[in-house]
Amino acid sequence: MEMERKNLDCRLEIKAVDEEAMTFEGYGAVFGNMDSTGDVILKGAFAETLAEAKTTGEWPALLAQHGGWEAASNMPLGAWMEMREDDHGLFVVGKFADTPRGQEAYTLLKMKPRPAITGLSIGYTPIEWENRSKPEDPRRKLKKVKLWEVSLVTFPANPKARVLAVKSGNVAEMEEELAAIFRRNIKLLKGV
């Protein structure tokens, strides 16, 4: 018996969505696990900062490597478009500025075969915490913090705080990615 083959005529039109250009998402902090400094952040720790940001419109900064002492290193890479707590941690959606520093950070996240940088880390002031009571406990359990910034970093204190997805808004890149997915699925259908 010969396999029947049908020609597929798939037309796909993609339009760039400017709001998604150079955006990324991930977790700036993860709840319940100890970071390299011995701290554990508890759910609810960011609630006050997030409520204040929504009220005032003044959000924590999006920096690289927590900034530094020079003015240029404290220049933001872009802006946080969304921040919220969920059961996992502090979920963030950022948008890089169309500046040399924003372009550089975006390029590092989009590198192939793997991103050059994916870590996220927070800069904060502890407000309310519980100190360890036994040597095996975390140094501190952070119950409430004032969040100043979330940075794209090479070495996050919490190894679970990572960028999970990067969006380009670039039509050519999206078409290329969809074409690759289409080719893989055709091979699967053909049994190749």
C-alpha atoms as a PDB file:
ATOM      1  CA  MET A   1       0.000   0.000   0.000  1.00  0.00           C
ATOM      2  CA  GLU A   2       1.395   3.339  -1.005  1.00  0.00           C
ATOM      3  CA  MET A   3       1.176   6.315   1.320  1.00  0.00           C
ATOM      4  CA  GLU A   4      -1.073   9.073   0.116  1.00  0.00           C
ATOM      5  CA  ARG A   5       0.456  12.537   0.140  1.00  0.00           C
ATOM      6  CA  LYS A   6      -1.361  15.794  -0.104  1.00  0.00           C
ATOM      7  CA  ASN A   7       0.130  19.130  -0.922  1.00  0.00           C
ATOM      8  CA  LEU A   8      -0.261  21.566   1.888  1.00  0.00           C
ATOM      9  CA  ASP A   9      -0.845  25.179   1.023  1.00  0.00           C
ATOM     10  CA  CYS A  10      -0.374  27.130   4.234  1.00  0.00           C
ATOM     11  CA  ARG A  11      -0.346  30.883   4.107  1.00  0.00           C
ATOM     12  CA  LEU A  12       0.530  32.734   7.221  1.00  0.00           C
ATOM     13  CA  GLU A  13       0.672  36.459   7.708  1.00  0.00           C
ATOM     14  CA  ILE A  14       2.403  37.902  10.740  1.00  0.00           C
ATOM     15  CA  LYS A  15       2.212  41.491  11.764  1.00  0.00           C
ATOM     16  CA  ALA A  16       4.706  42.926  14.210  1.00  0.00           C
ATOM     17  CA  VAL A  17       3.237  43.976  17.491  1.00  0.00           C
ATOM     18  CA  ASP A  18       5.340  46.919  18.628  1.00  0.00           C
ATOM     19  CA  GLU A  19       4.323  46.437  22.276  1.00  0.00           C
ATOM     20  CA  GLU A  20       6.073  43.043  22.239  1.00  0.00           C
ATOM     21  CA  ALA A  21       9.251  44.237  20.524  1.00  0.00           C
ATOM     22  CA  MET A  22      12.282  43.622  22.744  1.00  0.00           C
ATOM     23  CA  THR A  23      10.239  42.367  25.689  1.00  0.00           C
ATOM     24  CA  PHE A  24      11.108  39.545  28.045  1.00  0.00           C
ATOM     25  CA  GLU A  25       9.620  37.821  31.052  1.00  0.00           C
ATOM     26  CA  GLY A  26      10.770  35.759  33.969  1.00  0.00           C
ATOM     27  CA  TYR A  27      11.098  35.662  37.730  1.00  0.00           C
ATOM     28  CA  GLY A  28      13.057  38.377  39.536  1.00  0.00           C
ATOM     29  CA  ALA A  29      12.780  36.356  42.739  1.00  0.00           C
ATOM     30  CA  VAL A  30      11.538  32.892  43.641  1.00  0.00           C
ATOM     31  CA  PHE A  31       9.739  32.176  46.901  1.00  0.00           C
ATOM     32  CA  GLY A  32      10.708  29.551  49.447  1.00  0.00           C
ATOM     33  CA  ASN A  33      14.232  28.622  48.400  1.00  0.00           C
ATOM     34  CA  MET A  34      17.463  29.804  49.971  1.00  0.00           C
ATOM     35  CA  ASP A  35      19.691  32.075  47.890  1.00  0.00           C
ATOM     36  CA  SER A  36      23.480  32.285  48.026  1.00  0.00           C
ATOM     37  CA  THR A  37      23.329  34.846  50.858  1.00  0.00           C
ATOM     38  CA  GLY A  38      21.255  32.535  53.067  1.00  0.00           C
ATOM     39  CA  ASP A  39      17.981  34.444  52.626  1.00  0.00           C
ATOM     40  CA  VAL A  40      14.560  33.010  51.799  1.00  0.00           C
ATOM     41  CA  ILE A  41      11.891  35.334  50.406  1.00  0.00           C
ATOM     42  CA  LEU A  42       8.331  34.593  51.499  1.00  0.00           C
ATOM     43  CA  LYS A  43       5.199  35.114  49.427  1.00  0.00           C
ATOM     44  CA  GLY A  44       3.765  38.559  50.115  1.00  0.00           C
ATOM     45  CA  ALA A  45       7.169  40.188  50.639  1.00  0.00           C
ATOM     46  CA  PHE A  46       6.694  42.479  47.610  1.00  0.00           C
ATOM     47  CA  ALA A  47       2.980  43.264  48.079  1.00  0.00           C
ATOM     48  CA  GLU A  48       3.448  46.746  49.536  1.00  0.00           C
ATOM     49  CA  THR A  49       6.053  47.822  46.945  1.00  0.00           C
ATOM     50  CA  LEU A  50       3.854  46.596  44.086  1.00  0.00           C
ATOM     51  CA  ALA A  51       0.751  48.329  45.452  1.00  0.00           C
ATOM     52  CA  GLU A  52       2.730  51.555  45.848  1.00  0.00           C
ATOM     53  CA  ALA A  53       4.093  51.308  42.283  1.00  0.00           C
ATOM     54  CA  LYS A  54       0.591  50.846  40.879  1.00  0.00           C
ATOM     55  CA  THR A  55      -0.649  53.874  42.834  1.00  0.00           C
ATOM     56  CA  THR A  56       2.240  56.262  42.155  1.00  0.00           C
ATOM     57  CA  GLY A  57       3.391  54.992  38.752  1.00  0.00           C
ATOM     58  CA  GLU A  58       6.975  54.841  40.067  1.00  0.00           C
ATOM     59  CA  TRP A  59       8.209  51.315  39.422  1.00  0.00           C
ATOM     60  CA  PRO A  60      11.465  49.663  40.469  1.00  0.00           C
ATOM     61  CA  ALA A  61      14.269  50.210  37.956  1.00  0.00           C
ATOM     62  CA  LEU A  62      15.362  47.744  35.246  1.00  0.00           C
ATOM     63  CA  LEU A  63      19.155  47.753  35.557  1.00  0.00           C
ATOM     64  CA  ALA A  64      22.134  45.663  34.439  1.00  0.00           C
ATOM     65  CA  GLN A  65      24.227  43.983  37.146  1.00  0.00           C
ATOM     66  CA  HIS A  66      22.577  46.152  39.881  1.00  0.00           C
ATOM     67  CA  GLY A  67      24.077  49.338  38.450  1.00  0.00           C
ATOM     68  CA  GLY A  68      27.167  50.773  40.089  1.00  0.00           C
ATOM     69  CA  TRP A  69      28.826  53.906  41.357  1.00  0.00           C
ATOM     70  CA  GLU A  70      29.051  55.618  37.970  1.00  0.00           C
ATOM     71  CA  ALA A  71      26.020  57.418  36.582  1.00  0.00           C
ATOM     72  CA  ALA A  72      26.230  55.555  33.256  1.00  0.00           C
ATOM     73  CA  SER A  73      25.982  52.139  34.933  1.00  0.00           C
ATOM     74  CA  ASN A  74      22.830  53.253  36.768  1.00  0.00           C
ATOM     75  CA  MET A  75      21.109  54.206  33.516  1.00  0.00           C
ATOM     76  CA  PRO A  76      18.147  51.797  33.112  1.00  0.00           C
ATOM     77  CA  LEU A  77      18.118  49.227  30.293  1.00  0.00           C
ATOM     78  CA  GLY A  78      14.401  49.831  29.817  1.00  0.00           C
ATOM     79  CA  ALA A  79      11.305  49.621  31.990  1.00  0.00           C
ATOM     80  CA  TRP A  80       9.276  47.012  33.812  1.00  0.00           C
ATOM     81  CA  MET A  81       5.883  46.753  32.136  1.00  0.00           C
ATOM     82  CA  GLU A  82       4.429  44.325  34.676  1.00  0.00           C
ATOM     83  CA  MET A  83       5.340  42.981  38.097  1.00  0.00           C
ATOM     84  CA  ARG A  84       3.221  40.683  40.206  1.00  0.00           C
ATOM     85  CA  GLU A  85       3.498  38.005  42.833  1.00  0.00           C
ATOM     86  CA  ASP A  86       2.206  34.551  42.016  1.00  0.00           C
ATOM     87  CA  ASP A  87       2.665  31.258  43.864  1.00  0.00           C
ATOM     88  CA  HIS A  88       6.161  30.822  42.387  1.00  0.00           C
ATOM     89  CA  GLY A  89       7.678  34.255  42.954  1.00  0.00           C
ATOM     90  CA  LEU A  90       7.972  37.794  41.618  1.00  0.00           C
ATOM     91  CA  PHE A  91       6.919  37.547  37.957  1.00  0.00           C
ATOM     92  CA  VAL A  92       8.214  40.393  35.786  1.00  0.00           C
ATOM     93  CA  VAL A  93       7.745  41.556  32.202  1.00  0.00           C
ATOM     94  CA  GLY A  94      10.327  44.031  30.954  1.00  0.00           C
ATOM     95  CA  LYS A  95      10.857  46.025  27.786  1.00  0.00           C
ATOM     96  CA  PHE A  96      14.313  47.073  26.671  1.00  0.00           C
ATOM     97  CA  ALA A  97      14.800  50.641  25.505  1.00  0.00           C
ATOM     98  CA  ASP A  98      15.848  51.155  21.893  1.00  0.00           C
ATOM     99  CA  THR A  99      19.243  52.433  23.063  1.00  0.00           C
ATOM    100  CA  PRO A 100      22.735  50.935  22.700  1.00  0.00           C
ATOM    101  CA  ARG A 101      22.543  49.429  26.226  1.00  0.00           C
ATOM    102  CA  GLY A 102      19.011  48.093  25.659  1.00  0.00           C
ATOM    103  CA  GLN A 103      20.004  46.633  22.271  1.00  0.00           C
ATOM    104  CA  GLU A 104      23.104  45.019  23.812  1.00  0.00           C
ATOM    105  CA  ALA A 105      21.092  43.353  26.602  1.00  0.00           C
ATOM    106  CA  TYR A 106      18.486  42.154  24.101  1.00  0.00           C
ATOM    107  CA  THR A 107      21.196  40.723  21.823  1.00  0.00           C
ATOM    108  CA  LEU A 108      22.758  38.817  24.735  1.00  0.00           C
ATOM    109  CA  LEU A 109      19.373  37.284  25.597  1.00  0.00           C
ATOM    110  CA  LYS A 110      18.695  36.252  21.979  1.00  0.00           C
ATOM    111  CA  MET A 111      22.106  34.670  21.230  1.00  0.00           C
ATOM    112  CA  LYS A 112      22.235  31.257  19.573  1.00  0.00           C
ATOM    113  CA  PRO A 113      22.767  28.428  20.402  1.00  0.00           C
ATOM    114  CA  ARG A 114      22.043  29.717  23.922  1.00  0.00           C
ATOM    115  CA  PRO A 115      21.599  33.069  25.621  1.00  0.00           C
ATOM    116  CA  ALA A 116      24.736  34.706  27.041  1.00  0.00           C
ATOM    117  CA  ILE A 117      22.820  35.956  30.086  1.00  0.00           C
ATOM    118  CA  THR A 118      19.559  34.833  31.733  1.00  0.00           C
ATOM    119  CA  GLY A 119      19.870  35.710  35.428  1.00  0.00           C
ATOM    120  CA  LEU A 120      17.638  38.123  37.302  1.00  0.00           C
ATOM    121  CA  SER A 121      18.323  39.578  40.731  1.00  0.00           C
ATOM    122  CA  ILE A 122      16.675  42.078  43.047  1.00  0.00           C
ATOM    123  CA  GLY A 123      17.972  45.144  44.855  1.00  0.00           C
ATOM    124  CA  TYR A 124      15.949  45.799  48.007  1.00  0.00           C
ATOM    125  CA  THR A 125      15.866  47.026  51.582  1.00  0.00           C
ATOM    126  CA  PRO A 126      14.616  44.443  54.095  1.00  0.00           C
ATOM    127  CA  ILE A 127      11.702  45.820  56.142  1.00  0.00           C
ATOM    128  CA  GLU A 128      10.434  42.798  58.076  1.00  0.00           C
ATOM    129  CA  TRP A 129      12.185  39.474  58.563  1.00  0.00           C
ATOM    130  CA  GLU A 130      12.700  36.535  60.870  1.00  0.00           C
ATOM    131  CA  ASN A 131      16.255  35.589  61.889  1.00  0.00           C
ATOM    132  CA  ARG A 132      17.372  31.972  62.051  1.00  0.00           C
ATOM    133  CA  SER A 133      16.671  30.094  65.264  1.00  0.00           C
ATOM    134  CA  LYS A 134      18.724  26.988  64.409  1.00  0.00           C
ATOM    135  CA  PRO A 135      22.016  26.656  62.496  1.00  0.00           C
ATOM    136  CA  GLU A 136      20.330  24.754  59.654  1.00  0.00           C
ATOM    137  CA  ASP A 137      17.666  27.470  59.139  1.00  0.00           C
ATOM    138  CA  PRO A 138      18.054  30.202  56.527  1.00  0.00           C
ATOM    139  CA  ARG A 139      19.925  33.287  57.741  1.00  0.00           C
ATOM    140  CA  ARG A 140      16.730  35.320  57.277  1.00  0.00           C
ATOM    141  CA  LYS A 141      13.166  34.733  56.128  1.00  0.00           C
ATOM    142  CA  LEU A 142      12.210  37.954  54.385  1.00  0.00           C
ATOM    143  CA  LYS A 143       8.562  38.799  55.029  1.00  0.00           C
ATOM    144  CA  LYS A 144       8.498  42.354  53.652  1.00  0.00           C
ATOM    145  CA  VAL A 145      10.975  44.240  51.482  1.00  0.00           C
ATOM    146  CA  LYS A 146      11.163  47.595  49.714  1.00  0.00           C
ATOM    147  CA  LEU A 147      12.041  46.680  46.119  1.00  0.00           C
ATOM    148  CA  TRP A 148      14.271  49.267  44.403  1.00  0.00           C
ATOM    149  CA  GLU A 149      15.314  47.443  41.247  1.00  0.00           C
ATOM    150  CA  VAL A 150      15.360  44.151  39.365  1.00  0.00           C
ATOM    151  CA  SER A 151      18.512  43.585  37.336  1.00  0.00           C
ATOM    152  CA  LEU A 152      19.553  41.418  34.442  1.00  0.00           C
ATOM    153  CA  VAL A 153      22.641  39.685  35.879  1.00  0.00           C
ATOM    154  CA  THR A 154      25.251  37.113  34.974  1.00  0.00           C
ATOM    155  CA  PHE A 155      25.292  35.458  38.409  1.00  0.00           C
ATOM    156  CA  PRO A 156      21.963  35.671  40.281  1.00  0.00           C
ATOM    157  CA  ALA A 157      22.028  35.166  44.070  1.00  0.00           C
ATOM    158  CA  ASN A 158      18.952  32.977  43.593  1.00  0.00           C
ATOM    159  CA  PRO A 159      19.782  30.565  40.757  1.00  0.00           C
ATOM    160  CA  LYS A 160      16.070  30.027  40.083  1.00  0.00           C
ATOM    161  CA  ALA A 161      15.511  33.726  39.273  1.00  0.00           C
ATOM    162  CA  ARG A 162      15.731  33.646  35.466  1.00  0.00           C
ATOM    163  CA  VAL A 163      14.478  35.097  32.211  1.00  0.00           C
ATOM    164  CA  LEU A 164      12.036  32.551  30.781  1.00  0.00           C
ATOM    165  CA  ALA A 165      11.090  34.063  27.414  1.00  0.00           C
ATOM    166  CA  VAL A 166      12.233  36.813  25.051  1.00  0.00           C
ATOM    167  CA  LYS A 167       9.989  38.329  22.387  1.00  0.00           C
ATOM    168  CA  SER A 168      11.293  40.191  19.417  1.00  0.00           C
ATOM    169  CA  GLY A 169       8.326  41.731  17.651  1.00  0.00           C
ATOM    170  CA  ASN A 170      10.503  41.217  14.552  1.00  0.00           C
ATOM    171  CA  VAL A 171       8.418  39.772  11.701  1.00  0.00           C
ATOM    172  CA  ALA A 172      11.392  38.133   9.948  1.00  0.00           C
ATOM    173  CA  GLU A 173      12.492  36.352  13.150  1.00  0.00           C
ATOM    174  CA  MET A 174       8.956  35.158  13.914  1.00  0.00           C
ATOM    175  CA  GLU A 175       8.494  33.889  10.348  1.00  0.00           C
ATOM    176  CA  GLU A 176      11.830  32.039  10.558  1.00  0.00           C
ATOM    177  CA  GLU A 177      10.887  30.421  13.879  1.00  0.00           C
ATOM    178  CA  LEU A 178       7.447  29.385  12.588  1.00  0.00           C
ATOM    179  CA  ALA A 179       8.960  27.987   9.386  1.00  0.00           C
ATOM    180  CA  ALA A 180      11.368  25.862  11.457  1.00  0.00           C
ATOM    181  CA  ILE A 181       8.472  24.560  13.553  1.00  0.00           C
ATOM    182  CA  PHE A 182       6.513  23.816  10.381  1.00  0.00           C
ATOM    183  CA  ARG A 183       9.482  21.910   8.858  1.00  0.00           C
ATOM    184  CA  ARG A 184       9.898  19.826  12.038  1.00  0.00           C
ATOM    185  CA  ASN A 185       6.205  18.944  12.057  1.00  0.00           C
ATOM    186  CA  ILE A 186       6.261  17.954   8.368  1.00  0.00           C
ATOM    187  CA  LYS A 187       9.236  15.646   9.091  1.00  0.00           C
ATOM    188  CA  LEU A 188       7.309  14.080  11.955  1.00  0.00           C
ATOM    189  CA  LEU A 189       4.269  13.551   9.745  1.00  0.00           C
ATOM    190  CA  LYS A 190       6.416  11.951   7.056  1.00  0.00           C
ATOM    191  CA  GLY A 191       8.195   9.800   9.633  1.00  0.00           C
ATOM    192  CA  VAL A 192      11.617  11.191   8.734  1.00  0.00           C
END
